[in-house]
């Protein structure tokens, strides 16, 4: 039994190789802790400012808008998490170029799937930690009743949904390989598009009909629906089973597609001399 465990998780195992990238990214963020502080403050201010809109609306209308407050709070928190994951993974190539390590990393004898797995695990853990901190600070500004929250359903939606978000980030991350001059900006456009169509700050129903079509192909739409259902309506894991099934389907399709696409883009960049070129 011990030998099986060592082969699976010991030094030199696939898991250890993936976790090496988690450790490396952690050390990188330690070096740039100032930027982490900046984004934490930005996340807190953004969350509080947008959620205060609901309090203002309640003051003007004289109605109880506690659900609207929670709706906006969940939206801003989920977006803080999703954007952190998308940033960490989609900018993997840019990080390597900035550090001057892209050739060492992409030519190291490590399967690309393990490299991207490590980056994805780090992105998810980093996104969760930052979002929990933002959530804790935001609670100082609002008096919100969480009596209806189903924790198990909420956690399940986050975990299952994170797989497809990581795969989407990998797809966005191949853009800097294809377009060294503007690939990073194009990755940001993917985030902006998700923000528009996924119902972060409003119901998807308010979008123009032609734009609502795109919301159905965004995993963020289902993550938000599932979390809001679990936290606002108190839906159980059985109630959000359909949402979990859709998110799992997204993951099963997008994970292999993202790995194949990134490998193809990497081979293309190496063949055309775009691997290290910045512009």
C-alpha atoms as a PDB file:
ATOM      1  CA  UNK A   1       0.000   0.000   0.000  1.00  0.00           C
ATOM      2  CA  UNK A   2       2.845   2.355   0.887  1.00  0.00           C
ATOM      3  CA  UNK A   3       4.546   1.742  -2.453  1.00  0.00           C
ATOM      4  CA  UNK A   4       1.330   2.564  -4.318  1.00  0.00           C
ATOM      5  CA  UNK A   5       0.999   5.809  -2.344  1.00  0.00           C
ATOM      6  CA  UNK A   6       4.612   6.733  -3.077  1.00  0.00           C
ATOM      7  CA  UNK A   7       4.154   6.134  -6.793  1.00  0.00           C
ATOM      8  CA  UNK A   8       0.993   8.254  -6.827  1.00  0.00           C
ATOM      9  CA  UNK A   9       2.041  11.118  -4.562  1.00  0.00           C
ATOM     10  CA  UNK A  10       5.757  10.711  -3.808  1.00  0.00           C
ATOM     11  CA  UNK A  11       8.714  12.619  -5.213  1.00  0.00           C
ATOM     12  CA  UNK A  12       8.785  12.414  -8.997  1.00  0.00           C
ATOM     13  CA  UNK A  13       5.133  11.366  -9.267  1.00  0.00           C
ATOM     14  CA  UNK A  14       2.688  13.120 -11.586  1.00  0.00           C
ATOM     15  CA  UNK A  15       0.997  14.769  -8.612  1.00  0.00           C
ATOM     16  CA  UNK A  16       4.329  16.032  -7.251  1.00  0.00           C
ATOM     17  CA  UNK A  17       5.232  17.508 -10.639  1.00  0.00           C
ATOM     18  CA  UNK A  18       1.915  19.353 -10.777  1.00  0.00           C
ATOM     19  CA  UNK A  19       2.275  20.619  -7.208  1.00  0.00           C
ATOM     20  CA  UNK A  20       5.748  21.942  -8.052  1.00  0.00           C
ATOM     21  CA  UNK A  21       4.044  24.529 -10.268  1.00  0.00           C
ATOM     22  CA  UNK A  22       1.691  25.409  -7.406  1.00  0.00           C
ATOM     23  CA  UNK A  23       4.720  26.002  -5.168  1.00  0.00           C
ATOM     24  CA  UNK A  24       6.462  28.050  -7.839  1.00  0.00           C
ATOM     25  CA  UNK A  25       3.443  30.296  -8.394  1.00  0.00           C
ATOM     26  CA  UNK A  26       3.018  30.712  -4.649  1.00  0.00           C
ATOM     27  CA  UNK A  27       6.601  31.906  -4.348  1.00  0.00           C
ATOM     28  CA  UNK A  28       6.049  34.220  -7.295  1.00  0.00           C
ATOM     29  CA  UNK A  29       3.033  35.816  -5.635  1.00  0.00           C
ATOM     30  CA  UNK A  30       5.045  36.222  -2.430  1.00  0.00           C
ATOM     31  CA  UNK A  31       7.581  38.233  -4.396  1.00  0.00           C
ATOM     32  CA  UNK A  32       4.825  40.421  -5.843  1.00  0.00           C
ATOM     33  CA  UNK A  33       2.815  40.664  -2.596  1.00  0.00           C
ATOM     34  CA  UNK A  34       2.287  44.364  -3.222  1.00  0.00           C
ATOM     35  CA  UNK A  35       0.188  43.627  -6.289  1.00  0.00           C
ATOM     36  CA  UNK A  36      -1.767  41.038  -4.338  1.00  0.00           C
ATOM     37  CA  UNK A  37      -2.594  43.718  -1.789  1.00  0.00           C
ATOM     38  CA  UNK A  38      -3.668  46.059  -4.585  1.00  0.00           C
ATOM     39  CA  UNK A  39      -6.064  43.513  -6.062  1.00  0.00           C
ATOM     40  CA  UNK A  40      -7.423  42.605  -2.640  1.00  0.00           C
ATOM     41  CA  UNK A  41      -8.222  46.250  -1.901  1.00  0.00           C
ATOM     42  CA  UNK A  42      -9.692  46.670  -5.375  1.00  0.00           C
ATOM     43  CA  UNK A  43     -11.859  43.576  -4.872  1.00  0.00           C
ATOM     44  CA  UNK A  44     -13.129  44.835  -1.524  1.00  0.00           C
ATOM     45  CA  UNK A  45     -13.908  48.328  -2.823  1.00  0.00           C
ATOM     46  CA  UNK A  46     -15.609  46.956  -5.940  1.00  0.00           C
ATOM     47  CA  UNK A  47     -17.706  44.513  -3.912  1.00  0.00           C
ATOM     48  CA  UNK A  48     -18.763  47.074  -1.321  1.00  0.00           C
ATOM     49  CA  UNK A  49     -19.440  49.860  -3.834  1.00  0.00           C
ATOM     50  CA  UNK A  50     -21.643  47.750  -6.085  1.00  0.00           C
ATOM     51  CA  UNK A  51     -23.532  46.145  -3.207  1.00  0.00           C
ATOM     52  CA  UNK A  52     -24.188  49.587  -1.708  1.00  0.00           C
ATOM     53  CA  UNK A  53     -26.240  50.287  -4.848  1.00  0.00           C
ATOM     54  CA  UNK A  54     -28.845  47.921  -3.450  1.00  0.00           C
ATOM     55  CA  UNK A  55     -28.905  49.747  -0.105  1.00  0.00           C
ATOM     56  CA  UNK A  56     -29.351  53.038  -1.941  1.00  0.00           C
ATOM     57  CA  UNK A  57     -32.168  51.564  -4.015  1.00  0.00           C
ATOM     58  CA  UNK A  58     -33.873  50.468  -0.821  1.00  0.00           C
ATOM     59  CA  UNK A  59     -33.525  53.907   0.714  1.00  0.00           C
ATOM     60  CA  UNK A  60     -35.088  55.535  -2.343  1.00  0.00           C
ATOM     61  CA  UNK A  61     -37.951  53.083  -2.792  1.00  0.00           C
ATOM     62  CA  UNK A  62     -38.619  52.466   0.892  1.00  0.00           C
ATOM     63  CA  UNK A  63     -38.834  48.729   0.268  1.00  0.00           C
ATOM     64  CA  UNK A  64     -36.940  45.804   1.774  1.00  0.00           C
ATOM     65  CA  UNK A  65     -34.256  44.955  -0.746  1.00  0.00           C
ATOM     66  CA  UNK A  66     -32.269  42.469   1.343  1.00  0.00           C
ATOM     67  CA  UNK A  67     -32.464  39.883  -1.432  1.00  0.00           C
ATOM     68  CA  UNK A  68     -31.210  42.449  -3.947  1.00  0.00           C
ATOM     69  CA  UNK A  69     -28.270  43.182  -1.637  1.00  0.00           C
ATOM     70  CA  UNK A  70     -27.459  39.482  -1.429  1.00  0.00           C
ATOM     71  CA  UNK A  71     -27.939  39.091  -5.189  1.00  0.00           C
ATOM     72  CA  UNK A  72     -25.352  41.794  -5.924  1.00  0.00           C
ATOM     73  CA  UNK A  73     -23.008  40.629  -3.166  1.00  0.00           C
ATOM     74  CA  UNK A  74     -22.964  37.088  -4.562  1.00  0.00           C
ATOM     75  CA  UNK A  75     -22.429  38.421  -8.072  1.00  0.00           C
ATOM     76  CA  UNK A  76     -19.442  40.541  -7.103  1.00  0.00           C
ATOM     77  CA  UNK A  77     -17.892  37.770  -5.005  1.00  0.00           C
ATOM     78  CA  UNK A  78     -18.316  35.140  -7.702  1.00  0.00           C
ATOM     79  CA  UNK A  79     -16.831  37.521 -10.250  1.00  0.00           C
ATOM     80  CA  UNK A  80     -13.893  38.244  -7.933  1.00  0.00           C
ATOM     81  CA  UNK A  81     -13.273  34.495  -7.779  1.00  0.00           C
ATOM     82  CA  UNK A  82     -13.749  33.830 -11.494  1.00  0.00           C
ATOM     83  CA  UNK A  83     -11.566  36.760 -12.562  1.00  0.00           C
ATOM     84  CA  UNK A  84      -8.777  35.622 -10.194  1.00  0.00           C
ATOM     85  CA  UNK A  85      -8.860  32.106 -11.664  1.00  0.00           C
ATOM     86  CA  UNK A  86      -8.980  33.430 -15.219  1.00  0.00           C
ATOM     87  CA  UNK A  87      -6.084  35.823 -14.559  1.00  0.00           C
ATOM     88  CA  UNK A  88      -3.818  33.253 -12.928  1.00  0.00           C
ATOM     89  CA  UNK A  89      -4.287  30.632 -15.632  1.00  0.00           C
ATOM     90  CA  UNK A  90      -4.853  32.663 -18.796  1.00  0.00           C
ATOM     91  CA  UNK A  91      -1.741  34.781 -18.175  1.00  0.00           C
ATOM     92  CA  UNK A  92       0.525  31.771 -17.680  1.00  0.00           C
ATOM     93  CA  UNK A  93       2.405  32.512 -20.921  1.00  0.00           C
ATOM     94  CA  UNK A  94       2.716  36.231 -20.139  1.00  0.00           C
ATOM     95  CA  UNK A  95       4.054  35.496 -16.660  1.00  0.00           C
ATOM     96  CA  UNK A  96       6.723  33.245 -18.164  1.00  0.00           C
ATOM     97  CA  UNK A  97       7.696  35.929 -20.703  1.00  0.00           C
ATOM     98  CA  UNK A  98       7.918  38.620 -18.050  1.00  0.00           C
ATOM     99  CA  UNK A  99      10.106  36.370 -15.885  1.00  0.00           C
ATOM    100  CA  UNK A 100      12.218  35.212 -18.833  1.00  0.00           C
ATOM    101  CA  UNK A 101      11.522  31.552 -18.038  1.00  0.00           C
ATOM    102  CA  UNK A 102       9.158  30.601 -20.855  1.00  0.00           C
ATOM    103  CA  UNK A 103      11.709  28.501 -22.749  1.00  0.00           C
ATOM    104  CA  UNK A 104      12.768  26.673 -19.595  1.00  0.00           C
ATOM    105  CA  UNK A 105       9.169  25.922 -18.614  1.00  0.00           C
ATOM    106  CA  UNK A 106       7.712  24.937 -21.970  1.00  0.00           C
ATOM    107  CA  UNK A 107      10.740  22.849 -22.918  1.00  0.00           C
ATOM    108  CA  UNK A 108      11.104  21.097 -19.560  1.00  0.00           C
ATOM    109  CA  UNK A 109      10.483  17.293 -19.577  1.00  0.00           C
ATOM    110  CA  UNK A 110       7.104  17.703 -17.885  1.00  0.00           C
ATOM    111  CA  UNK A 111       3.836  16.728 -19.606  1.00  0.00           C
ATOM    112  CA  UNK A 112       1.913  19.862 -20.496  1.00  0.00           C
ATOM    113  CA  UNK A 113      -1.208  18.438 -18.838  1.00  0.00           C
ATOM    114  CA  UNK A 114       0.611  18.291 -15.467  1.00  0.00           C
ATOM    115  CA  UNK A 115       1.952  21.823 -15.938  1.00  0.00           C
ATOM    116  CA  UNK A 116      -1.532  23.170 -16.654  1.00  0.00           C
ATOM    117  CA  UNK A 117      -3.028  21.102 -13.823  1.00  0.00           C
ATOM    118  CA  UNK A 118      -0.616  22.711 -11.373  1.00  0.00           C
ATOM    119  CA  UNK A 119      -1.421  26.181 -12.688  1.00  0.00           C
ATOM    120  CA  UNK A 120      -5.151  25.441 -12.444  1.00  0.00           C
ATOM    121  CA  UNK A 121      -4.923  24.168  -8.867  1.00  0.00           C
ATOM    122  CA  UNK A 122      -2.982  27.275  -7.856  1.00  0.00           C
ATOM    123  CA  UNK A 123      -5.461  29.568  -9.637  1.00  0.00           C
ATOM    124  CA  UNK A 124      -8.441  27.950  -7.909  1.00  0.00           C
ATOM    125  CA  UNK A 125      -6.825  28.018  -4.445  1.00  0.00           C
ATOM    126  CA  UNK A 126      -5.630  31.601  -4.907  1.00  0.00           C
ATOM    127  CA  UNK A 127      -9.067  32.688  -6.135  1.00  0.00           C
ATOM    128  CA  UNK A 128     -10.802  31.026  -3.173  1.00  0.00           C
ATOM    129  CA  UNK A 129      -8.476  32.604  -0.588  1.00  0.00           C
ATOM    130  CA  UNK A 130      -8.804  36.081  -2.073  1.00  0.00           C
ATOM    131  CA  UNK A 131     -12.592  35.804  -2.360  1.00  0.00           C
ATOM    132  CA  UNK A 132     -12.995  34.582   1.227  1.00  0.00           C
ATOM    133  CA  UNK A 133     -10.970  37.573   2.432  1.00  0.00           C
ATOM    134  CA  UNK A 134     -13.082  39.972   0.363  1.00  0.00           C
ATOM    135  CA  UNK A 135     -16.255  38.331   1.682  1.00  0.00           C
ATOM    136  CA  UNK A 136     -15.105  38.607   5.313  1.00  0.00           C
ATOM    137  CA  UNK A 137     -14.274  42.306   4.934  1.00  0.00           C
ATOM    138  CA  UNK A 138     -17.502  43.067   3.018  1.00  0.00           C
ATOM    139  CA  UNK A 139     -19.592  41.596   5.855  1.00  0.00           C
ATOM    140  CA  UNK A 140     -18.442  44.489   8.041  1.00  0.00           C
ATOM    141  CA  UNK A 141     -20.492  46.829   5.835  1.00  0.00           C
ATOM    142  CA  UNK A 142     -23.758  44.898   5.562  1.00  0.00           C
ATOM    143  CA  UNK A 143     -26.238  43.146   7.826  1.00  0.00           C
ATOM    144  CA  UNK A 144     -27.257  40.106   5.788  1.00  0.00           C
ATOM    145  CA  UNK A 145     -29.251  37.067   6.845  1.00  0.00           C
ATOM    146  CA  UNK A 146     -27.632  33.828   5.651  1.00  0.00           C
ATOM    147  CA  UNK A 147     -30.233  31.606   7.293  1.00  0.00           C
ATOM    148  CA  UNK A 148     -31.346  30.064   3.992  1.00  0.00           C
ATOM    149  CA  UNK A 149     -27.869  29.189   2.716  1.00  0.00           C
ATOM    150  CA  UNK A 150     -27.238  25.559   1.802  1.00  0.00           C
ATOM    151  CA  UNK A 151     -23.480  25.254   2.267  1.00  0.00           C
ATOM    152  CA  UNK A 152     -23.113  21.825   0.648  1.00  0.00           C
ATOM    153  CA  UNK A 153     -24.884  22.905  -2.534  1.00  0.00           C
ATOM    154  CA  UNK A 154     -22.861  26.136  -2.678  1.00  0.00           C
ATOM    155  CA  UNK A 155     -19.539  24.312  -2.323  1.00  0.00           C
ATOM    156  CA  UNK A 156     -20.557  21.698  -4.889  1.00  0.00           C
ATOM    157  CA  UNK A 157     -21.385  24.345  -7.507  1.00  0.00           C
ATOM    158  CA  UNK A 158     -18.085  26.160  -6.878  1.00  0.00           C
ATOM    159  CA  UNK A 159     -15.984  22.999  -7.144  1.00  0.00           C
ATOM    160  CA  UNK A 160     -17.693  21.526 -10.197  1.00  0.00           C
ATOM    161  CA  UNK A 161     -17.897  24.904 -11.933  1.00  0.00           C
ATOM    162  CA  UNK A 162     -14.216  25.626 -11.311  1.00  0.00           C
ATOM    163  CA  UNK A 163     -13.211  22.813 -13.666  1.00  0.00           C
ATOM    164  CA  UNK A 164     -14.858  24.388 -16.695  1.00  0.00           C
ATOM    165  CA  UNK A 165     -13.640  27.880 -15.714  1.00  0.00           C
ATOM    166  CA  UNK A 166     -10.055  26.576 -15.516  1.00  0.00           C
ATOM    167  CA  UNK A 167     -10.457  24.981 -18.951  1.00  0.00           C
ATOM    168  CA  UNK A 168     -11.811  28.257 -20.341  1.00  0.00           C
ATOM    169  CA  UNK A 169      -8.822  30.091 -18.836  1.00  0.00           C
ATOM    170  CA  UNK A 170      -6.444  27.659 -20.548  1.00  0.00           C
ATOM    171  CA  UNK A 171      -8.156  28.387 -23.866  1.00  0.00           C
ATOM    172  CA  UNK A 172      -7.738  32.116 -23.229  1.00  0.00           C
ATOM    173  CA  UNK A 173      -4.135  31.485 -22.207  1.00  0.00           C
ATOM    174  CA  UNK A 174      -3.155  30.173 -25.622  1.00  0.00           C
ATOM    175  CA  UNK A 175      -3.891  33.557 -27.220  1.00  0.00           C
ATOM    176  CA  UNK A 176      -0.518  35.063 -26.150  1.00  0.00           C
ATOM    177  CA  UNK A 177       1.146  32.095 -27.851  1.00  0.00           C
ATOM    178  CA  UNK A 178      -0.628  32.867 -31.113  1.00  0.00           C
ATOM    179  CA  UNK A 179      -0.472  36.681 -30.853  1.00  0.00           C
ATOM    180  CA  UNK A 180       2.585  37.840 -28.838  1.00  0.00           C
ATOM    181  CA  UNK A 181       1.800  41.547 -29.367  1.00  0.00           C
ATOM    182  CA  UNK A 182      -1.825  41.579 -28.189  1.00  0.00           C
ATOM    183  CA  UNK A 183      -2.661  38.116 -26.865  1.00  0.00           C
ATOM    184  CA  UNK A 184      -2.844  39.289 -23.242  1.00  0.00           C
ATOM    185  CA  UNK A 185      -5.326  42.020 -24.179  1.00  0.00           C
ATOM    186  CA  UNK A 186      -7.410  39.464 -26.056  1.00  0.00           C
ATOM    187  CA  UNK A 187      -7.467  37.274 -22.923  1.00  0.00           C
ATOM    188  CA  UNK A 188      -8.895  40.239 -21.020  1.00  0.00           C
ATOM    189  CA  UNK A 189     -11.582  40.574 -23.687  1.00  0.00           C
ATOM    190  CA  UNK A 190     -12.691  37.022 -22.881  1.00  0.00           C
ATOM    191  CA  UNK A 191     -13.199  38.111 -19.266  1.00  0.00           C
ATOM    192  CA  UNK A 192     -15.108  41.221 -20.324  1.00  0.00           C
ATOM    193  CA  UNK A 193     -17.402  39.125 -22.507  1.00  0.00           C
ATOM    194  CA  UNK A 194     -18.146  36.738 -19.629  1.00  0.00           C
ATOM    195  CA  UNK A 195     -18.930  39.707 -17.373  1.00  0.00           C
ATOM    196  CA  UNK A 196     -21.438  41.009 -19.908  1.00  0.00           C
ATOM    197  CA  UNK A 197     -23.334  37.819 -20.759  1.00  0.00           C
ATOM    198  CA  UNK A 198     -23.263  35.793 -17.532  1.00  0.00           C
ATOM    199  CA  UNK A 199     -25.565  37.834 -15.285  1.00  0.00           C
ATOM    200  CA  UNK A 200     -23.005  38.967 -12.718  1.00  0.00           C
ATOM    201  CA  UNK A 201     -24.794  42.200 -11.729  1.00  0.00           C
ATOM    202  CA  UNK A 202     -28.230  41.571 -13.254  1.00  0.00           C
ATOM    203  CA  UNK A 203     -30.498  38.780 -14.406  1.00  0.00           C
ATOM    204  CA  UNK A 204     -29.678  37.369 -17.818  1.00  0.00           C
ATOM    205  CA  UNK A 205     -33.295  38.074 -18.804  1.00  0.00           C
ATOM    206  CA  UNK A 206     -32.593  41.814 -19.080  1.00  0.00           C
ATOM    207  CA  UNK A 207     -30.096  41.259 -21.907  1.00  0.00           C
ATOM    208  CA  UNK A 208     -31.232  41.752 -25.514  1.00  0.00           C
ATOM    209  CA  UNK A 209     -32.624  38.513 -26.923  1.00  0.00           C
ATOM    210  CA  UNK A 210     -29.747  38.058 -29.369  1.00  0.00           C
ATOM    211  CA  UNK A 211     -27.225  38.412 -26.509  1.00  0.00           C
ATOM    212  CA  UNK A 212     -29.068  36.022 -24.184  1.00  0.00           C
ATOM    213  CA  UNK A 213     -28.170  33.209 -26.574  1.00  0.00           C
ATOM    214  CA  UNK A 214     -24.507  33.564 -25.624  1.00  0.00           C
ATOM    215  CA  UNK A 215     -25.283  33.357 -21.901  1.00  0.00           C
ATOM    216  CA  UNK A 216     -26.240  29.706 -22.360  1.00  0.00           C
ATOM    217  CA  UNK A 217     -22.727  28.795 -23.486  1.00  0.00           C
ATOM    218  CA  UNK A 218     -21.030  30.543 -20.558  1.00  0.00           C
ATOM    219  CA  UNK A 219     -20.280  28.292 -17.565  1.00  0.00           C
ATOM    220  CA  UNK A 220     -20.267  31.416 -15.387  1.00  0.00           C
ATOM    221  CA  UNK A 221     -24.024  31.769 -15.989  1.00  0.00           C
ATOM    222  CA  UNK A 222     -24.707  28.386 -14.406  1.00  0.00           C
ATOM    223  CA  UNK A 223     -22.227  28.940 -11.573  1.00  0.00           C
ATOM    224  CA  UNK A 224     -24.010  32.165 -10.638  1.00  0.00           C
ATOM    225  CA  UNK A 225     -27.468  30.570 -10.952  1.00  0.00           C
ATOM    226  CA  UNK A 226     -26.430  27.618  -8.799  1.00  0.00           C
ATOM    227  CA  UNK A 227     -24.790  29.673  -6.071  1.00  0.00           C
ATOM    228  CA  UNK A 228     -27.645  32.187  -5.934  1.00  0.00           C
ATOM    229  CA  UNK A 229     -30.150  29.352  -5.758  1.00  0.00           C
ATOM    230  CA  UNK A 230     -28.263  27.729  -2.892  1.00  0.00           C
ATOM    231  CA  UNK A 231     -27.601  30.944  -0.960  1.00  0.00           C
ATOM    232  CA  UNK A 232     -30.758  32.996  -1.582  1.00  0.00           C
ATOM    233  CA  UNK A 233     -33.448  30.359  -2.125  1.00  0.00           C
ATOM    234  CA  UNK A 234     -31.861  27.694   0.088  1.00  0.00           C
ATOM    235  CA  UNK A 235     -31.841  25.115  -2.695  1.00  0.00           C
ATOM    236  CA  UNK A 236     -30.297  21.787  -1.728  1.00  0.00           C
ATOM    237  CA  UNK A 237     -27.739  19.805  -3.684  1.00  0.00           C
ATOM    238  CA  UNK A 238     -30.657  17.839  -5.155  1.00  0.00           C
ATOM    239  CA  UNK A 239     -32.303  21.063  -6.340  1.00  0.00           C
ATOM    240  CA  UNK A 240     -29.131  22.231  -8.086  1.00  0.00           C
ATOM    241  CA  UNK A 241     -28.456  18.791  -9.587  1.00  0.00           C
ATOM    242  CA  UNK A 242     -29.386  20.015 -13.088  1.00  0.00           C
ATOM    243  CA  UNK A 243     -26.952  22.913 -12.783  1.00  0.00           C
ATOM    244  CA  UNK A 244     -24.216  20.571 -11.546  1.00  0.00           C
ATOM    245  CA  UNK A 245     -24.872  18.225 -14.478  1.00  0.00           C
ATOM    246  CA  UNK A 246     -24.561  21.086 -16.987  1.00  0.00           C
ATOM    247  CA  UNK A 247     -21.334  22.298 -15.377  1.00  0.00           C
ATOM    248  CA  UNK A 248     -19.933  18.746 -15.360  1.00  0.00           C
ATOM    249  CA  UNK A 249     -20.776  18.464 -19.067  1.00  0.00           C
ATOM    250  CA  UNK A 250     -18.982  21.762 -19.716  1.00  0.00           C
ATOM    251  CA  UNK A 251     -15.945  20.354 -17.917  1.00  0.00           C
ATOM    252  CA  UNK A 252     -15.935  17.044 -19.807  1.00  0.00           C
ATOM    253  CA  UNK A 253     -16.017  18.876 -23.127  1.00  0.00           C
ATOM    254  CA  UNK A 254     -13.773  21.827 -22.353  1.00  0.00           C
ATOM    255  CA  UNK A 255     -10.925  20.130 -20.459  1.00  0.00           C
ATOM    256  CA  UNK A 256      -9.741  17.851 -23.295  1.00  0.00           C
ATOM    257  CA  UNK A 257     -10.453  20.585 -25.834  1.00  0.00           C
ATOM    258  CA  UNK A 258      -8.365  23.120 -23.903  1.00  0.00           C
ATOM    259  CA  UNK A 259      -5.430  20.702 -23.484  1.00  0.00           C
ATOM    260  CA  UNK A 260      -5.451  19.834 -27.180  1.00  0.00           C
ATOM    261  CA  UNK A 261      -5.707  23.502 -28.201  1.00  0.00           C
ATOM    262  CA  UNK A 262      -2.887  24.613 -25.881  1.00  0.00           C
ATOM    263  CA  UNK A 263      -0.593  21.844 -27.153  1.00  0.00           C
ATOM    264  CA  UNK A 264      -1.358  22.834 -30.727  1.00  0.00           C
ATOM    265  CA  UNK A 265      -0.706  26.524 -30.001  1.00  0.00           C
ATOM    266  CA  UNK A 266       2.565  25.666 -28.241  1.00  0.00           C
ATOM    267  CA  UNK A 267       3.804  23.662 -31.227  1.00  0.00           C
ATOM    268  CA  UNK A 268       2.791  26.498 -33.536  1.00  0.00           C
ATOM    269  CA  UNK A 269       4.634  29.096 -31.423  1.00  0.00           C
ATOM    270  CA  UNK A 270       7.803  26.997 -31.339  1.00  0.00           C
ATOM    271  CA  UNK A 271       7.669  26.372 -35.083  1.00  0.00           C
ATOM    272  CA  UNK A 272       7.126  30.022 -35.990  1.00  0.00           C
ATOM    273  CA  UNK A 273       9.520  31.556 -33.445  1.00  0.00           C
ATOM    274  CA  UNK A 274       6.783  33.214 -31.385  1.00  0.00           C
ATOM    275  CA  UNK A 275       7.515  31.388 -28.147  1.00  0.00           C
ATOM    276  CA  UNK A 276       9.655  34.055 -26.468  1.00  0.00           C
ATOM    277  CA  UNK A 277       8.913  37.033 -28.701  1.00  0.00           C
ATOM    278  CA  UNK A 278       7.134  39.873 -26.919  1.00  0.00           C
ATOM    279  CA  UNK A 279       6.288  41.985 -29.932  1.00  0.00           C
END
